C-alpha atoms as a PDB file:
ATOM      1  CA  MET A   1     -17.517  25.156 -20.476  1.00  0.00           C
ATOM      2  CA  MET A   2     -16.758  26.002 -16.802  1.00  0.00           C
ATOM      3  CA  ARG A   3     -19.809  23.990 -15.670  1.00  0.00           C
ATOM      4  CA  ARG A   4     -18.313  20.861 -17.271  1.00  0.00           C
ATOM      5  CA  ILE A   5     -14.814  21.325 -15.808  1.00  0.00           C
ATOM      6  CA  VAL A   6     -15.877  21.773 -12.156  1.00  0.00           C
ATOM      7  CA  PRO A   7     -17.614  18.351 -11.837  1.00  0.00           C
ATOM      8  CA  ILE A   8     -14.680  16.652 -13.587  1.00  0.00           C
ATOM      9  CA  LEU A   9     -12.180  18.299 -11.225  1.00  0.00           C
ATOM     10  CA  LEU A  10     -14.319  17.343  -8.238  1.00  0.00           C
ATOM     11  CA  LEU A  11     -14.445  13.729  -9.438  1.00  0.00           C
ATOM     12  CA  LEU A  12     -10.639  13.662  -9.870  1.00  0.00           C
ATOM     13  CA  VAL A  13     -10.122  14.988  -6.326  1.00  0.00           C
ATOM     14  CA  LEU A  14     -12.433  12.313  -4.901  1.00  0.00           C
ATOM     15  CA  LEU A  15     -10.706   9.541  -6.850  1.00  0.00           C
ATOM     16  CA  CYS A  16      -7.248  10.685  -5.722  1.00  0.00           C
ATOM     17  CA  GLY A  17      -8.424  10.729  -2.101  1.00  0.00           C
ATOM     18  CA  CYS A  18      -9.765   7.177  -2.414  1.00  0.00           C
ATOM     19  CA  ALA A  19      -6.523   5.984  -3.988  1.00  0.00           C
ATOM     20  CA  VAL A  20      -4.528   7.308  -1.014  1.00  0.00           C
ATOM     21  CA  THR A  21      -6.902   5.654   1.454  1.00  0.00           C
ATOM     22  CA  ILE A  22      -6.728   2.312  -0.346  1.00  0.00           C
ATOM     23  CA  SER A  23      -2.924   2.368  -0.462  1.00  0.00           C
ATOM     24  CA  ASP A  24      -2.772   3.018   3.301  1.00  0.00           C
ATOM     25  CA  VAL A  25      -4.275  -0.367   4.186  1.00  0.00           C
ATOM     26  CA  GLY A  26      -2.001  -3.177   5.340  1.00  0.00           C
ATOM     27  CA  VAL A  27      -2.546  -6.798   6.316  1.00  0.00           C
ATOM     28  CA  ILE A  28      -1.104  -8.487   9.387  1.00  0.00           C
ATOM     29  CA  GLY A  29      -0.946 -12.246   9.154  1.00  0.00           C
ATOM     30  CA  GLY A  30       0.391 -15.448  10.449  1.00  0.00           C
ATOM     31  CA  PRO A  31       1.209 -18.789   8.895  1.00  0.00           C
ATOM     32  CA  ASP A  32      -2.466 -19.338   8.053  1.00  0.00           C
ATOM     33  CA  GLY A  33      -2.948 -16.005   6.291  1.00  0.00           C
ATOM     34  CA  PRO A  34      -4.281 -12.602   7.321  1.00  0.00           C
ATOM     35  CA  THR A  35      -5.482 -12.158  10.867  1.00  0.00           C
ATOM     36  CA  SER A  36      -6.309  -8.452  10.775  1.00  0.00           C
ATOM     37  CA  THR A  37      -6.540  -5.603   8.316  1.00  0.00           C
ATOM     38  CA  ILE A  38      -5.361  -2.256   9.611  1.00  0.00           C
ATOM     39  CA  SER A  39      -4.832   1.256   8.371  1.00  0.00           C
ATOM     40  CA  THR A  40      -1.215   2.397   8.303  1.00  0.00           C
ATOM     41  CA  ASP A  41      -2.250   6.024   8.768  1.00  0.00           C
ATOM     42  CA  SER A  42      -0.186   7.413  11.680  1.00  0.00           C
ATOM     43  CA  THR A  43      -3.286   8.582  13.573  1.00  0.00           C
ATOM     44  CA  THR A  44      -4.640   5.012  13.620  1.00  0.00           C
ATOM     45  CA  GLN A  45      -1.283   3.449  14.531  1.00  0.00           C
ATOM     46  CA  SER A  46      -1.004   5.678  17.570  1.00  0.00           C
ATOM     47  CA  SER A  47      -4.130   4.071  19.034  1.00  0.00           C
ATOM     48  CA  THR A  48      -3.221   0.408  18.506  1.00  0.00           C
ATOM     49  CA  CYS A  49      -1.369  -2.298  20.358  1.00  0.00           C
ATOM     50  CA  THR A  50      -0.056  -5.716  19.351  1.00  0.00           C
ATOM     51  CA  ILE A  51      -1.210  -9.016  20.835  1.00  0.00           C
ATOM     52  CA  SER A  52      -0.098 -12.614  20.323  1.00  0.00           C
ATOM     53  CA  ILE A  53      -1.090 -15.902  21.970  1.00  0.00           C
ATOM     54  CA  ARG A  54       1.469 -18.702  22.168  1.00  0.00           C
ATOM     55  CA  CYS A  55       1.702 -22.130  23.748  1.00  0.00           C
ATOM     56  CA  ASP A  56       5.197 -23.152  22.555  1.00  0.00           C
ATOM     57  CA  THR A  57       6.077 -24.638  25.942  1.00  0.00           C
ATOM     58  CA  LEU A  58       3.473 -27.347  25.423  1.00  0.00           C
ATOM     59  CA  LEU A  59       5.453 -28.704  22.462  1.00  0.00           C
ATOM     60  CA  ASP A  60       8.003 -30.051  24.952  1.00  0.00           C
ATOM     61  CA  HIS A  61       5.308 -31.383  27.309  1.00  0.00           C
ATOM     62  CA  MET A  62       2.915 -33.163  24.954  1.00  0.00           C
ATOM     63  CA  ASP A  63       3.213 -36.363  27.003  1.00  0.00           C
ATOM     64  CA  SER A  64       1.986 -34.603  30.159  1.00  0.00           C
ATOM     65  CA  LEU A  65      -1.153 -33.081  28.593  1.00  0.00           C
ATOM     66  CA  SER A  66      -4.642 -34.029  29.683  1.00  0.00           C
ATOM     67  CA  MET A  67      -6.342 -36.638  27.511  1.00  0.00           C
ATOM     68  CA  GLY A  68      -7.415 -35.203  24.146  1.00  0.00           C
ATOM     69  CA  THR A  69      -5.628 -31.886  24.669  1.00  0.00           C
ATOM     70  CA  ALA A  70      -2.592 -32.602  22.468  1.00  0.00           C
ATOM     71  CA  SER A  71      -4.686 -32.230  19.303  1.00  0.00           C
ATOM     72  CA  LEU A  72      -5.488 -28.613  20.299  1.00  0.00           C
ATOM     73  CA  VAL A  73      -1.844 -27.513  20.308  1.00  0.00           C
ATOM     74  CA  PRO A  74      -0.806 -25.959  16.964  1.00  0.00           C
ATOM     75  CA  GLU A  75       2.321 -27.474  15.386  1.00  0.00           C
ATOM     76  CA  ASP A  76       4.189 -24.175  15.774  1.00  0.00           C
ATOM     77  CA  GLY A  77       2.722 -23.371  19.189  1.00  0.00           C
ATOM     78  CA  CYS A  78       1.041 -20.208  17.905  1.00  0.00           C
ATOM     79  CA  LEU A  79      -2.672 -19.688  18.564  1.00  0.00           C
ATOM     80  CA  LEU A  80      -2.583 -16.078  17.366  1.00  0.00           C
ATOM     81  CA  ALA A  81       0.320 -14.464  15.513  1.00  0.00           C
ATOM     82  CA  GLU A  82       1.166 -10.858  16.323  1.00  0.00           C
ATOM     83  CA  THR A  83      -1.975  -8.899  15.512  1.00  0.00           C
ATOM     84  CA  LEU A  84      -2.728  -5.189  15.742  1.00  0.00           C
ATOM     85  CA  ILE A  85      -5.802  -4.266  17.764  1.00  0.00           C
ATOM     86  CA  GLU A  86      -7.321  -0.806  17.799  1.00  0.00           C
ATOM     87  CA  LEU A  87      -7.543   0.561  21.322  1.00  0.00           C
ATOM     88  CA  GLN A  88     -10.561   2.106  22.964  1.00  0.00           C
ATOM     89  CA  PRO A  89     -10.056   4.641  25.788  1.00  0.00           C
ATOM     90  CA  GLY A  90      -9.319   2.840  29.067  1.00  0.00           C
ATOM     91  CA  ASP A  91      -8.801  -0.616  27.508  1.00  0.00           C
ATOM     92  CA  SER A  92      -7.289  -3.213  29.817  1.00  0.00           C
ATOM     93  CA  VAL A  93      -5.190  -6.181  28.705  1.00  0.00           C
ATOM     94  CA  PHE A  94      -8.318  -8.284  29.249  1.00  0.00           C
ATOM     95  CA  ASP A  95     -10.382  -6.048  26.909  1.00  0.00           C
ATOM     96  CA  VAL A  96      -7.745  -6.413  24.175  1.00  0.00           C
ATOM     97  CA  LEU A  97      -7.543 -10.204  24.678  1.00  0.00           C
ATOM     98  CA  GLN A  98     -11.321 -10.538  24.533  1.00  0.00           C
ATOM     99  CA  ARG A  99     -11.550  -8.478  21.330  1.00  0.00           C
ATOM    100  CA  ALA A 100      -8.681 -10.399  19.694  1.00  0.00           C
ATOM    101  CA  THR A 101     -10.115 -13.827  20.538  1.00  0.00           C
ATOM    102  CA  GLU A 102     -13.617 -12.856  19.389  1.00  0.00           C
ATOM    103  CA  ARG A 103     -12.353 -11.479  16.066  1.00  0.00           C
ATOM    104  CA  ASN A 104     -10.221 -14.549  15.407  1.00  0.00           C
ATOM    105  CA  ASP A 105     -12.720 -17.186  16.616  1.00  0.00           C
ATOM    106  CA  ILE A 106     -10.478 -18.368  19.458  1.00  0.00           C
ATOM    107  CA  GLN A 107     -12.194 -19.790  22.520  1.00  0.00           C
ATOM    108  CA  LEU A 108     -11.675 -17.791  25.738  1.00  0.00           C
ATOM    109  CA  GLU A 109     -12.833 -18.804  29.200  1.00  0.00           C
ATOM    110  CA  PHE A 110     -12.378 -16.646  32.261  1.00  0.00           C
ATOM    111  CA  SER A 111     -13.798 -16.135  35.712  1.00  0.00           C
ATOM    112  CA  THR A 112     -14.653 -12.838  37.366  1.00  0.00           C
ATOM    113  CA  SER A 113     -13.898 -11.902  40.945  1.00  0.00           C
ATOM    114  CA  PRO A 114     -16.344  -9.130  41.906  1.00  0.00           C
ATOM    115  CA  LEU A 115     -14.470  -8.480  45.148  1.00  0.00           C
ATOM    116  CA  TYR A 116     -11.336  -7.449  43.218  1.00  0.00           C
ATOM    117  CA  ASP A 117     -13.103  -6.445  39.977  1.00  0.00           C
ATOM    118  CA  SER A 118     -10.695  -8.825  38.268  1.00  0.00           C
ATOM    119  CA  LYS A 119     -10.757 -11.366  35.437  1.00  0.00           C
ATOM    120  CA  TYR A 120      -8.822 -14.630  35.659  1.00  0.00           C
ATOM    121  CA  ILE A 121      -7.914 -16.399  32.406  1.00  0.00           C
ATOM    122  CA  GLU A 122      -8.841 -20.068  32.758  1.00  0.00           C
ATOM    123  CA  GLY A 123      -8.445 -21.177  29.146  1.00  0.00           C
ATOM    124  CA  ILE A 124      -7.602 -19.937  25.660  1.00  0.00           C
ATOM    125  CA  GLY A 125      -8.130 -22.089  22.575  1.00  0.00           C
ATOM    126  CA  ASN A 126      -9.491 -24.847  24.855  1.00  0.00           C
ATOM    127  CA  LEU A 127      -6.107 -25.076  26.574  1.00  0.00           C
ATOM    128  CA  TYR A 128      -6.698 -24.682  30.304  1.00  0.00           C
ATOM    129  CA  GLU A 129      -4.773 -24.179  33.483  1.00  0.00           C
ATOM    130  CA  MET A 130      -3.387 -27.471  34.795  1.00  0.00           C
ATOM    131  CA  ASP A 131      -3.767 -29.216  31.410  1.00  0.00           C
ATOM    132  CA  ALA A 132       0.005 -29.838  31.520  1.00  0.00           C
ATOM    133  CA  GLY A 133       0.350 -30.368  35.266  1.00  0.00           C
ATOM    134  CA  PRO A 134      -0.212 -28.467  38.507  1.00  0.00           C
ATOM    135  CA  LEU A 135       2.117 -25.572  37.595  1.00  0.00           C
ATOM    136  CA  SER A 136       0.624 -24.894  34.161  1.00  0.00           C
ATOM    137  CA  GLY A 137      -1.678 -22.136  32.917  1.00  0.00           C
ATOM    138  CA  TRP A 138      -1.773 -18.794  31.125  1.00  0.00           C
ATOM    139  CA  THR A 139       0.402 -15.792  31.920  1.00  0.00           C
ATOM    140  CA  TYR A 140       0.958 -12.519  30.102  1.00  0.00           C
ATOM    141  CA  SER A 141       3.584  -9.873  29.520  1.00  0.00           C
ATOM    142  CA  VAL A 142       3.413  -6.313  28.265  1.00  0.00           C
ATOM    143  CA  ASN A 143       6.483  -5.000  26.471  1.00  0.00           C
ATOM    144  CA  GLY A 144       8.440  -8.002  27.765  1.00  0.00           C
ATOM    145  CA  VAL A 145       7.552  -7.369  31.429  1.00  0.00           C
ATOM    146  CA  PHE A 146       5.320  -9.669  33.490  1.00  0.00           C
ATOM    147  CA  PRO A 147       3.154  -7.235  35.503  1.00  0.00           C
ATOM    148  CA  GLY A 148       2.306  -9.582  38.388  1.00  0.00           C
ATOM    149  CA  TYR A 149      -1.378  -8.652  38.529  1.00  0.00           C
ATOM    150  CA  GLY A 150      -4.562  -9.477  36.663  1.00  0.00           C
ATOM    151  CA  THR A 151      -5.303  -8.664  33.046  1.00  0.00           C
ATOM    152  CA  SER A 152      -8.284  -6.462  33.883  1.00  0.00           C
ATOM    153  CA  GLN A 153      -6.117  -4.280  36.146  1.00  0.00           C
ATOM    154  CA  TYR A 154      -3.512  -3.359  33.509  1.00  0.00           C
ATOM    155  CA  THR A 155      -4.450  -0.370  31.307  1.00  0.00           C
ATOM    156  CA  VAL A 156      -2.982  -0.672  27.807  1.00  0.00           C
ATOM    157  CA  SER A 157      -1.134   2.206  26.139  1.00  0.00           C
ATOM    158  CA  ALA A 158      -0.717   2.833  22.420  1.00  0.00           C
ATOM    159  CA  GLY A 159       2.166   0.789  21.017  1.00  0.00           C
ATOM    160  CA  ASP A 160       2.150  -1.827  23.800  1.00  0.00           C
ATOM    161  CA  VAL A 161       3.103  -5.388  22.844  1.00  0.00           C
ATOM    162  CA  ILE A 162       1.002  -7.948  24.728  1.00  0.00           C
ATOM    163  CA  GLU A 163       1.940 -11.627  24.804  1.00  0.00           C
ATOM    164  CA  PHE A 164      -0.176 -14.399  26.290  1.00  0.00           C
ATOM    165  CA  LEU A 165       1.989 -17.420  27.006  1.00  0.00           C
ATOM    166  CA  TYR A 166       1.126 -20.876  28.242  1.00  0.00           C
ATOM    167  CA  THR A 167       3.489 -21.882  31.028  1.00  0.00           C
ATOM    168  CA  CYS A 168       4.189 -25.365  32.362  1.00  0.00           C
ATOM    169  CA  ASP A 169       6.312 -24.117  35.287  1.00  0.00           C
ATOM    170  CA  LEU A 170       4.552 -21.128  36.941  1.00  0.00           C
ATOM    171  CA  GLY A 171       6.077 -18.786  34.357  1.00  0.00           C
ATOM    172  CA  ALA A 172       9.733 -19.710  34.817  1.00  0.00           C
ATOM    173  CA  ASP A 173       9.773 -21.476  31.418  1.00  0.00           C
ATOM    174  CA  VAL A 174       8.496 -18.367  29.575  1.00  0.00           C
ATOM    175  CA  GLY A 175      10.851 -15.807  31.075  1.00  0.00           C
ATOM    176  CA  ASN A 176       8.900 -14.692  34.148  1.00  0.00           C
ATOM    177  CA  PRO A 177      11.471 -14.383  36.929  1.00  0.00           C
ATOM    178  CA  ALA A 178       8.723 -14.042  39.542  1.00  0.00           C
ATOM    179  CA  GLY A 179       7.232 -17.316  38.339  1.00  0.00           C
ATOM    180  CA  ALA A 180       3.618 -16.451  39.070  1.00  0.00           C
ATOM    181  CA  LEU A 181       0.558 -17.145  36.949  1.00  0.00           C
ATOM    182  CA  GLN A 182      -1.364 -14.033  36.004  1.00  0.00           C
END
């Protein structure tokens, strides 16, 4: 009798553990549906950050865009809704951006400066610097602050909120008081 009860109890314990794991999964999404699936377990949350990619400013500058570029701008100006990304030790803002764009099939073009060991963001989603005039391009903020230096130089911390924003006025139109492209 005892030999029959032990395997049944073991099976029940395993099933209960799986049920808890399944219920701890959440979905982050945007207007087009889920963008990432994440675990809501507190140990996983502590090693994640949030990233979004927006080009809202282009909606007011469609007439100044390079030929053929207007069709690349989403109607709501959102290339990537807020998405949780799991962090690896030592991740930079660039590492997080690269992982997010790869996972969501968003084009990313950058150049590397070996002298400064730095990455410069040239284009995201086929929207490039100077597509909307000489003062336009990509900038970023972390927790609402524009760091003023390159994406590969900023080390991300758990819980950080990263925003990539397309600017048409050296950052002044997206809340960067310094007005400098990153």
